């Protein structure tokens, strides 16, 4: 997966490190889907063009939330959930 995501600084720590958060809304497959990112970056890791490589984000949490067809197909159905309750392995 490759792309760009704009984030904002939500907190600056005493040591200068910054907590960041951002999300991107995508309209795919007749539904809204979101990619969300949170983490901590160091000022030294911000490039001259104001980019930070994802490998430099500490405690990175990248989540995908959606309501379109792609998200619907990735959710387990009622039968899968019932079988997992009966046999969790």
Protein backbone atom coordinates (compact mmCIF):
# COMPACT_ATOMS: atom_id res chain seq x y z
CA UNK A 1 0.00 0.00 0.00
CA UNK A 2 1.39 3.37 -0.97
CA UNK A 3 0.06 6.88 -0.69
CA UNK A 4 0.12 10.16 1.15
CA UNK A 5 -1.91 11.25 4.15
CA UNK A 6 -1.96 14.75 5.62
CA UNK A 7 -1.85 14.86 9.41
CA UNK A 8 -1.87 17.51 12.10
CA UNK A 9 0.13 17.82 15.29
CA UNK A 10 -2.20 17.21 18.22
CA UNK A 11 0.39 17.47 21.00
CA UNK A 12 4.03 18.46 21.44
CA UNK A 13 5.95 16.57 24.14
CA UNK A 14 8.57 18.21 26.38
CA UNK A 15 11.36 16.54 24.36
CA UNK A 16 10.02 18.06 21.11
CA UNK A 17 8.46 14.88 19.76
CA UNK A 18 5.00 15.37 18.28
CA UNK A 19 1.85 13.29 18.38
CA UNK A 20 0.16 13.33 15.00
CA UNK A 21 -3.26 12.31 13.74
CA UNK A 22 -5.04 12.43 10.43
CA UNK A 23 -7.51 10.70 8.20
CA UNK A 24 -8.33 10.52 4.52
CA UNK A 25 -11.85 9.93 3.23
CA UNK A 26 -12.15 7.84 0.11
CA UNK A 27 -15.36 7.36 -1.81
CA UNK A 28 -15.01 3.84 -3.17
CA UNK A 29 -17.52 1.20 -4.17
CA UNK A 30 -20.61 3.26 -3.33
CA UNK A 31 -19.53 3.95 0.23
CA UNK A 32 -17.29 6.17 2.32
CA UNK A 33 -14.06 4.58 3.48
CA UNK A 34 -11.43 6.11 5.76
CA UNK A 35 -7.75 5.57 6.39
CA UNK A 36 -6.69 6.90 9.81
CA UNK A 37 -3.18 7.40 11.14
CA UNK A 38 -1.88 8.30 14.59
CA UNK A 39 1.64 8.15 15.99
CA UNK A 40 4.64 10.06 17.29
CA UNK A 41 7.32 11.70 15.17
CA UNK A 42 10.62 13.40 15.89
CA UNK A 43 11.31 16.86 14.44
CA UNK A 44 14.51 15.49 12.81
CA UNK A 45 12.45 13.01 10.78
CA UNK A 46 10.49 15.73 8.96
CA UNK A 47 12.01 16.24 5.51
CA UNK A 48 12.66 19.62 3.89
CA UNK A 49 9.49 19.07 1.84
CA UNK A 50 7.49 18.48 5.06
CA UNK A 51 7.12 14.69 4.68
CA UNK A 52 7.72 11.89 7.18
CA UNK A 53 8.25 8.33 6.00
CA UNK A 54 5.85 5.93 7.73
CA UNK A 55 8.80 3.83 8.93
CA UNK A 56 9.84 6.81 11.08
CA UNK A 57 6.52 7.06 12.95
CA UNK A 58 6.71 5.61 16.47
CA UNK A 59 3.65 3.87 17.90
CA UNK A 60 2.07 4.11 14.46
CA UNK A 61 -1.55 3.03 14.35
CA UNK A 62 -3.02 2.77 10.88
CA UNK A 63 -6.67 1.80 10.66
CA UNK A 64 -9.05 1.30 7.79
CA UNK A 65 -12.75 1.88 8.40
CA UNK A 66 -15.33 1.64 5.70
CA UNK A 67 -18.94 1.19 4.76
CA UNK A 68 -18.57 0.37 1.07
CA UNK A 69 -18.60 -2.92 -0.78
CA UNK A 70 -14.93 -3.62 0.01
CA UNK A 71 -15.57 -3.20 3.74
CA UNK A 72 -18.76 -5.24 3.54
CA UNK A 73 -16.99 -8.19 1.93
CA UNK A 74 -14.24 -8.16 4.56
CA UNK A 75 -16.72 -8.48 7.44
CA UNK A 76 -17.59 -11.92 8.67
CA UNK A 77 -21.16 -13.06 8.18
CA UNK A 78 -23.49 -14.35 10.87
CA UNK A 79 -22.62 -17.99 10.12
CA UNK A 80 -18.88 -17.34 10.48
CA UNK A 81 -19.49 -15.59 13.79
CA UNK A 82 -21.66 -18.46 15.04
CA UNK A 83 -19.05 -21.05 14.04
CA UNK A 84 -16.30 -19.04 15.74
CA UNK A 85 -18.36 -19.03 18.95
CA UNK A 86 -18.75 -22.80 18.81
CA UNK A 87 -15.15 -23.55 17.80
CA UNK A 88 -12.81 -20.60 18.32
CA UNK A 89 -9.82 -22.39 16.68
